[in-house]
C-alpha atoms as a PDB file:
ATOM      1  CA  MET A   1       0.000   0.000   0.000  1.00  0.00           C
ATOM      2  CA  THR A   2       1.378   3.410  -0.957  1.00  0.00           C
ATOM      3  CA  ALA A   3       1.258   6.575   1.115  1.00  0.00           C
ATOM      4  CA  THR A   4      -1.539   7.872  -1.119  1.00  0.00           C
ATOM      5  CA  ASP A   5      -3.544   4.677  -0.580  1.00  0.00           C
ATOM      6  CA  SER A   6      -3.168   4.948   3.170  1.00  0.00           C
ATOM      7  CA  THR A   7      -4.309   8.583   3.038  1.00  0.00           C
ATOM      8  CA  ILE A   8      -7.392   7.621   1.034  1.00  0.00           C
ATOM      9  CA  MET A   9      -8.180   4.648   3.279  1.00  0.00           C
ATOM     10  CA  SER A  10      -7.459   6.394   6.585  1.00  0.00           C
ATOM     11  CA  ALA A  11     -10.288   6.504   9.056  1.00  0.00           C
ATOM     12  CA  GLU A  12     -11.932   9.766   9.979  1.00  0.00           C
ATOM     13  CA  PRO A  13     -13.132  10.788  13.439  1.00  0.00           C
ATOM     14  CA  GLY A  14     -16.239   8.822  14.340  1.00  0.00           C
ATOM     15  CA  ILE A  15     -15.561   6.019  11.845  1.00  0.00           C
ATOM     16  CA  THR A  16     -14.667   2.680  13.343  1.00  0.00           C
ATOM     17  CA  PRO A  17     -12.412   0.139  11.616  1.00  0.00           C
ATOM     18  CA  ALA A  18     -15.546  -1.970  10.943  1.00  0.00           C
ATOM     19  CA  ASP A  19     -16.935   0.790   8.698  1.00  0.00           C
ATOM     20  CA  PRO A  20     -16.227   0.450   4.973  1.00  0.00           C
ATOM     21  CA  PRO A  21     -13.140   2.254   3.649  1.00  0.00           C
ATOM     22  CA  ILE A  22     -13.907   5.770   2.467  1.00  0.00           C
ATOM     23  CA  ASN A  23     -12.844   4.978  -1.090  1.00  0.00           C
ATOM     24  CA  ASN A  24     -15.218   1.996  -1.264  1.00  0.00           C
ATOM     25  CA  PRO A  25     -16.992   2.292  -4.654  1.00  0.00           C
ATOM     26  CA  ALA A  26     -20.336   1.214  -3.161  1.00  0.00           C
ATOM     27  CA  VAL A  27     -20.210   3.934  -0.497  1.00  0.00           C
ATOM     28  CA  LEU A  28     -19.252   6.598  -3.033  1.00  0.00           C
ATOM     29  CA  ALA A  29     -21.900   5.345  -5.486  1.00  0.00           C
ATOM     30  CA  ARG A  30     -24.569   5.715  -2.784  1.00  0.00           C
ATOM     31  CA  ARG A  31     -23.566   9.339  -2.329  1.00  0.00           C
ATOM     32  CA  ALA A  32     -23.606   9.869  -6.112  1.00  0.00           C
ATOM     33  CA  LEU A  33     -27.036   8.199  -6.313  1.00  0.00           C
ATOM     34  CA  PHE A  34     -28.332  10.510  -3.583  1.00  0.00           C
ATOM     35  CA  GLY A  35     -27.053  13.602  -5.441  1.00  0.00           C
ATOM     36  CA  PHE A  36     -28.419  12.257  -8.725  1.00  0.00           C
ATOM     37  CA  ILE A  37     -31.963  11.602  -7.492  1.00  0.00           C
ATOM     38  CA  LEU A  38     -32.205  14.801  -5.445  1.00  0.00           C
ATOM     39  CA  THR A  39     -30.895  16.987  -8.286  1.00  0.00           C
ATOM     40  CA  PHE A  40     -33.199  15.349 -10.837  1.00  0.00           C
ATOM     41  CA  ILE A  41     -36.237  15.984  -8.621  1.00  0.00           C
ATOM     42  CA  VAL A  42     -35.224  19.598  -7.948  1.00  0.00           C
ATOM     43  CA  ALA A  43     -34.454  20.292 -11.643  1.00  0.00           C
ATOM     44  CA  ARG A  44     -37.780  18.863 -12.854  1.00  0.00           C
ATOM     45  CA  THR A  45     -39.685  20.702 -10.102  1.00  0.00           C
ATOM     46  CA  VAL A  46     -38.067  24.043 -10.930  1.00  0.00           C
ATOM     47  CA  VAL A  47     -38.753  23.594 -14.661  1.00  0.00           C
ATOM     48  CA  LEU A  48     -42.405  22.743 -13.998  1.00  0.00           C
ATOM     49  CA  LEU A  49     -42.830  25.700 -11.621  1.00  0.00           C
ATOM     50  CA  ILE A  50     -41.269  28.123 -14.110  1.00  0.00           C
ATOM     51  CA  MET A  51     -43.286  26.770 -17.020  1.00  0.00           C
ATOM     52  CA  SER A  52     -46.539  27.026 -15.061  1.00  0.00           C
ATOM     53  CA  ASN A  53     -45.660  30.620 -14.014  1.00  0.00           C
ATOM     54  CA  ARG A  54     -45.600  29.679 -10.324  1.00  0.00           C
ATOM     55  CA  MET A  55     -42.082  31.030  -9.897  1.00  0.00           C
ATOM     56  CA  PRO A  56     -40.025  33.632 -11.761  1.00  0.00           C
ATOM     57  CA  ASN A  57     -38.220  32.653 -14.925  1.00  0.00           C
ATOM     58  CA  LEU A  58     -34.737  31.694 -13.690  1.00  0.00           C
ATOM     59  CA  TYR A  59     -33.557  30.386 -17.065  1.00  0.00           C
ATOM     60  CA  PHE A  60     -30.203  31.716 -18.219  1.00  0.00           C
ATOM     61  CA  PHE A  61     -30.213  33.277 -21.682  1.00  0.00           C
ATOM     62  CA  LEU A  62     -27.064  34.192 -23.585  1.00  0.00           C
ATOM     63  CA  HIS A  63     -27.744  36.555 -26.483  1.00  0.00           C
ATOM     64  CA  GLY A  64     -31.319  35.279 -26.670  1.00  0.00           C
ATOM     65  CA  THR A  65     -30.360  31.589 -26.505  1.00  0.00           C
ATOM     66  CA  HIS A  66     -31.669  29.522 -23.595  1.00  0.00           C
ATOM     67  CA  VAL A  67     -28.721  27.763 -21.932  1.00  0.00           C
ATOM     68  CA  HIS A  68     -30.192  24.436 -20.831  1.00  0.00           C
ATOM     69  CA  HIS A  69     -29.167  22.822 -17.547  1.00  0.00           C
ATOM     70  CA  LEU A  70     -27.429  19.966 -19.360  1.00  0.00           C
ATOM     71  CA  ASN A  71     -24.665  22.508 -20.011  1.00  0.00           C
ATOM     72  CA  TYR A  72     -24.288  23.157 -16.279  1.00  0.00           C
ATOM     73  CA  GLY A  73     -23.989  19.396 -15.839  1.00  0.00           C
ATOM     74  CA  ILE A  74     -21.274  19.156 -18.496  1.00  0.00           C
ATOM     75  CA  PHE A  75     -19.239  21.916 -16.836  1.00  0.00           C
ATOM     76  CA  LEU A  76     -19.743  20.323 -13.417  1.00  0.00           C
ATOM     77  CA  LEU A  77     -18.596  16.937 -14.795  1.00  0.00           C
ATOM     78  CA  ALA A  78     -15.486  18.631 -16.216  1.00  0.00           C
ATOM     79  CA  GLY A  79     -14.867  20.301 -12.857  1.00  0.00           C
ATOM     80  CA  VAL A  80     -15.251  17.037 -10.941  1.00  0.00           C
ATOM     81  CA  GLY A  81     -12.877  15.295 -13.350  1.00  0.00           C
ATOM     82  CA  GLY A  82     -10.258  18.029 -12.975  1.00  0.00           C
ATOM     83  CA  TYR A  83     -10.694  18.091  -9.205  1.00  0.00           C
ATOM     84  CA  LEU A  84     -10.123  14.346  -8.972  1.00  0.00           C
ATOM     85  CA  LEU A  85      -7.270  14.354 -11.461  1.00  0.00           C
ATOM     86  CA  PHE A  86      -5.315  17.300 -10.077  1.00  0.00           C
ATOM     87  CA  GLY A  87      -6.554  17.688  -6.490  1.00  0.00           C
ATOM     88  CA  ILE A  88      -5.627  15.986  -3.283  1.00  0.00           C
ATOM     89  CA  ARG A  89      -8.007  13.076  -2.823  1.00  0.00           C
ATOM     90  CA  ASN A  90      -8.751  12.273   0.788  1.00  0.00           C
ATOM     91  CA  GLY A  91     -12.002  10.861   2.130  1.00  0.00           C
ATOM     92  CA  ARG A  92     -13.750  14.225   2.297  1.00  0.00           C
ATOM     93  CA  ASP A  93     -12.641  15.090  -1.257  1.00  0.00           C
ATOM     94  CA  LEU A  94     -13.970  11.790  -2.583  1.00  0.00           C
ATOM     95  CA  ARG A  95     -17.321  12.230  -0.838  1.00  0.00           C
ATOM     96  CA  ILE A  96     -17.711  15.766  -2.216  1.00  0.00           C
ATOM     97  CA  ALA A  97     -16.705  14.598  -5.693  1.00  0.00           C
ATOM     98  CA  ALA A  98     -19.162  11.675  -5.584  1.00  0.00           C
ATOM     99  CA  LEU A  99     -22.021  13.989  -4.599  1.00  0.00           C
ATOM    100  CA  ALA A 100     -21.080  16.554  -7.284  1.00  0.00           C
ATOM    101  CA  TYR A 101     -20.734  13.752  -9.848  1.00  0.00           C
ATOM    102  CA  GLY A 102     -24.276  12.553  -9.113  1.00  0.00           C
ATOM    103  CA  MET A 103     -25.611  16.101  -9.368  1.00  0.00           C
ATOM    104  CA  ALA A 104     -23.808  16.676 -12.681  1.00  0.00           C
ATOM    105  CA  MET A 105     -25.072  13.398 -14.113  1.00  0.00           C
ATOM    106  CA  ALA A 106     -28.664  14.353 -13.216  1.00  0.00           C
ATOM    107  CA  LEU A 107     -28.381  17.786 -14.821  1.00  0.00           C
ATOM    108  CA  THR A 108     -26.857  16.304 -17.950  1.00  0.00           C
ATOM    109  CA  PHE A 109     -28.998  13.194 -18.398  1.00  0.00           C
ATOM    110  CA  ASP A 110     -32.251  14.994 -17.524  1.00  0.00           C
ATOM    111  CA  GLU A 111     -31.951  16.565 -20.968  1.00  0.00           C
ATOM    112  CA  PHE A 112     -30.457  13.514 -22.703  1.00  0.00           C
ATOM    113  CA  GLY A 113     -33.126  13.698 -25.419  1.00  0.00           C
ATOM    114  CA  MET A 114     -31.643  17.045 -26.443  1.00  0.00           C
ATOM    115  CA  TRP A 115     -28.302  15.338 -27.056  1.00  0.00           C
ATOM    116  CA  LEU A 116     -30.027  13.158 -29.614  1.00  0.00           C
ATOM    117  CA  HIS A 117     -32.330  15.778 -31.114  1.00  0.00           C
ATOM    118  CA  LEU A 118     -30.676  19.182 -30.854  1.00  0.00           C
ATOM    119  CA  GLY A 119     -33.320  21.852 -30.553  1.00  0.00           C
ATOM    120  CA  GLY A 120     -35.909  19.285 -29.514  1.00  0.00           C
ATOM    121  CA  SER A 121     -38.391  19.629 -26.699  1.00  0.00           C
ATOM    122  CA  TYR A 122     -37.454  19.203 -23.034  1.00  0.00           C
ATOM    123  CA  TRP A 123     -40.195  16.566 -22.754  1.00  0.00           C
ATOM    124  CA  GLN A 124     -38.498  13.797 -24.728  1.00  0.00           C
ATOM    125  CA  ARG A 125     -38.938  10.177 -23.757  1.00  0.00           C
ATOM    126  CA  ALA A 126     -35.214   9.507 -24.204  1.00  0.00           C
ATOM    127  CA  SER A 127     -34.441  11.798 -21.253  1.00  0.00           C
ATOM    128  CA  VAL A 128     -36.666   9.816 -18.896  1.00  0.00           C
ATOM    129  CA  ASP A 129     -35.198   6.537 -20.160  1.00  0.00           C
ATOM    130  CA  ALA A 130     -31.662   7.855 -19.607  1.00  0.00           C
ATOM    131  CA  ILE A 131     -32.463   9.002 -16.054  1.00  0.00           C
ATOM    132  CA  ILE A 132     -33.880   5.578 -15.192  1.00  0.00           C
ATOM    133  CA  LEU A 133     -30.868   3.799 -16.709  1.00  0.00           C
ATOM    134  CA  VAL A 134     -28.267   5.963 -14.933  1.00  0.00           C
ATOM    135  CA  ALA A 135     -30.117   5.647 -11.598  1.00  0.00           C
ATOM    136  CA  ALA A 136     -30.272   1.864 -12.052  1.00  0.00           C
ATOM    137  CA  VAL A 137     -26.528   1.621 -12.781  1.00  0.00           C
ATOM    138  CA  LEU A 138     -25.667   3.791  -9.766  1.00  0.00           C
ATOM    139  CA  ALA A 139     -28.004   1.706  -7.580  1.00  0.00           C
ATOM    140  CA  LEU A 140     -26.414  -1.512  -8.837  1.00  0.00           C
ATOM    141  CA  ILE A 141     -22.938  -0.218  -7.999  1.00  0.00           C
ATOM    142  CA  SER A 142     -24.226   1.062  -4.645  1.00  0.00           C
ATOM    143  CA  PHE A 143     -25.879  -2.130  -3.510  1.00  0.00           C
ATOM    144  CA  GLY A 144     -24.432  -4.818  -5.794  1.00  0.00           C
ATOM    145  CA  SER A 145     -21.986  -6.117  -3.194  1.00  0.00           C
ATOM    146  CA  ALA A 146     -24.942  -7.181  -1.047  1.00  0.00           C
ATOM    147  CA  ILE A 147     -26.047  -9.486  -3.877  1.00  0.00           C
ATOM    148  CA  ARG A 148     -23.094 -11.803  -3.167  1.00  0.00           C
ATOM    149  CA  SER A 149     -24.604 -12.718   0.201  1.00  0.00           C
ATOM    150  CA  PHE A 150     -28.021 -13.656  -1.227  1.00  0.00           C
ATOM    151  CA  GLU A 151     -29.634 -16.846  -0.015  1.00  0.00           C
ATOM    152  CA  SER A 152     -32.189 -18.814  -2.043  1.00  0.00           C
ATOM    153  CA  ARG A 153     -35.108 -16.927  -0.459  1.00  0.00           C
ATOM    154  CA  HIS A 154     -33.509 -13.638  -1.511  1.00  0.00           C
ATOM    155  CA  VAL A 155     -33.168 -14.891  -5.081  1.00  0.00           C
ATOM    156  CA  ARG A 156     -36.854 -15.914  -5.171  1.00  0.00           C
ATOM    157  CA  ALA A 157     -37.973 -12.581  -3.722  1.00  0.00           C
ATOM    158  CA  SER A 158     -35.761 -10.724  -6.197  1.00  0.00           C
ATOM    159  CA  ALA A 159     -37.243 -12.685  -9.092  1.00  0.00           C
ATOM    160  CA  VAL A 160     -40.771 -11.771  -7.970  1.00  0.00           C
ATOM    161  CA  ILE A 161     -39.802  -8.109  -7.643  1.00  0.00           C
ATOM    162  CA  LEU A 162     -38.088  -8.162 -11.046  1.00  0.00           C
ATOM    163  CA  ILE A 163     -41.189  -9.632 -12.705  1.00  0.00           C
ATOM    164  CA  ALA A 164     -43.364  -7.017 -10.986  1.00  0.00           C
ATOM    165  CA  LEU A 165     -41.012  -4.231 -12.099  1.00  0.00           C
ATOM    166  CA  ILE A 166     -41.041  -5.459 -15.691  1.00  0.00           C
ATOM    167  CA  ALA A 167     -44.854  -5.594 -15.657  1.00  0.00           C
ATOM    168  CA  PHE A 168     -44.956  -2.118 -14.114  1.00  0.00           C
ATOM    169  CA  GLY A 169     -42.512  -0.850 -16.760  1.00  0.00           C
ATOM    170  CA  VAL A 170     -44.745  -2.168 -19.537  1.00  0.00           C
ATOM    171  CA  VAL A 171     -47.762  -0.426 -17.994  1.00  0.00           C
ATOM    172  CA  VAL A 172     -45.831   2.844 -17.523  1.00  0.00           C
ATOM    173  CA  TYR A 173     -44.526   2.669 -21.089  1.00  0.00           C
ATOM    174  CA  ASP A 174     -48.008   2.115 -22.507  1.00  0.00           C
ATOM    175  CA  ALA A 175     -49.501   4.840 -20.319  1.00  0.00           C
ATOM    176  CA  SER A 176     -46.708   7.282 -21.201  1.00  0.00           C
ATOM    177  CA  LEU A 177     -47.466   6.886 -24.894  1.00  0.00           C
ATOM    178  CA  LYS A 178     -51.131   7.705 -24.292  1.00  0.00           C
ATOM    179  CA  ILE A 179     -50.367  10.542 -21.868  1.00  0.00           C
ATOM    180  CA  GLY A 180     -47.761  11.906 -24.283  1.00  0.00           C
ATOM    181  CA  ARG A 181     -50.344  12.136 -27.050  1.00  0.00           C
ATOM    182  CA  LEU A 182     -52.786  13.858 -24.703  1.00  0.00           C
ATOM    183  CA  GLU A 183     -50.471  16.115 -22.691  1.00  0.00           C
ATOM    184  CA  GLY A 184     -47.494  16.495 -25.053  1.00  0.00           C
ATOM    185  CA  PRO A 185     -48.893  19.466 -27.007  1.00  0.00           C
ATOM    186  CA  ARG A 186     -49.843  21.271 -23.772  1.00  0.00           C
ATOM    187  CA  LEU A 187     -46.362  20.721 -22.251  1.00  0.00           C
ATOM    188  CA  GLU A 188     -44.661  21.931 -25.423  1.00  0.00           C
ATOM    189  CA  ALA A 189     -46.903  25.030 -25.421  1.00  0.00           C
ATOM    190  CA  LEU A 190     -45.906  25.693 -21.778  1.00  0.00           C
ATOM    191  CA  GLU A 191     -42.229  25.310 -22.710  1.00  0.00           C
ATOM    192  CA  LEU A 192     -42.539  27.784 -25.588  1.00  0.00           C
ATOM    193  CA  ALA A 193     -44.483  30.267 -23.463  1.00  0.00           C
ATOM    194  CA  SER A 194     -41.831  30.261 -20.716  1.00  0.00           C
ATOM    195  CA  SER A 195     -39.045  31.330 -23.096  1.00  0.00           C
ATOM    196  CA  PRO A 196     -38.742  34.989 -24.202  1.00  0.00           C
END
């Protein structure tokens, strides 16, 4: 173990040796997942409140062009990468970086549909799919190590939950198509009305 490794793995006040090391990917992924979910919820809430005129228009415009929050996410991802590459990485640094990484991923992937269709609407299905996929990957990294200790009853329960989730996904997909046809034009009109 190098001096850097021992710095990264050193215990902090209040952490016992039985606690997981502070550079444990599962622990850091849980923090990233927390930042991801919280930021996604806040971003969607703010957009809905602005579009429904329940809060002032906080959108940033540069020479008449709306700068979408995916750009903030890209800059935050670049900052996190530089911080980790060039900064001193102790336990606190890694926890801050994991939280900022989750926040940046949410800002960026919330508008994933715009990556695919530049100039497209905020309400693209691809964005929701991307959010679900990224959250699932972060959750798998966060809690995947617990899977190794599964007993047969855990496997059976997981299979039942997986089947239920797949059935729920099919229902949500079908409903989203119908809701999209009904509400899509209204949401797009709200989006256009909220931009100068």
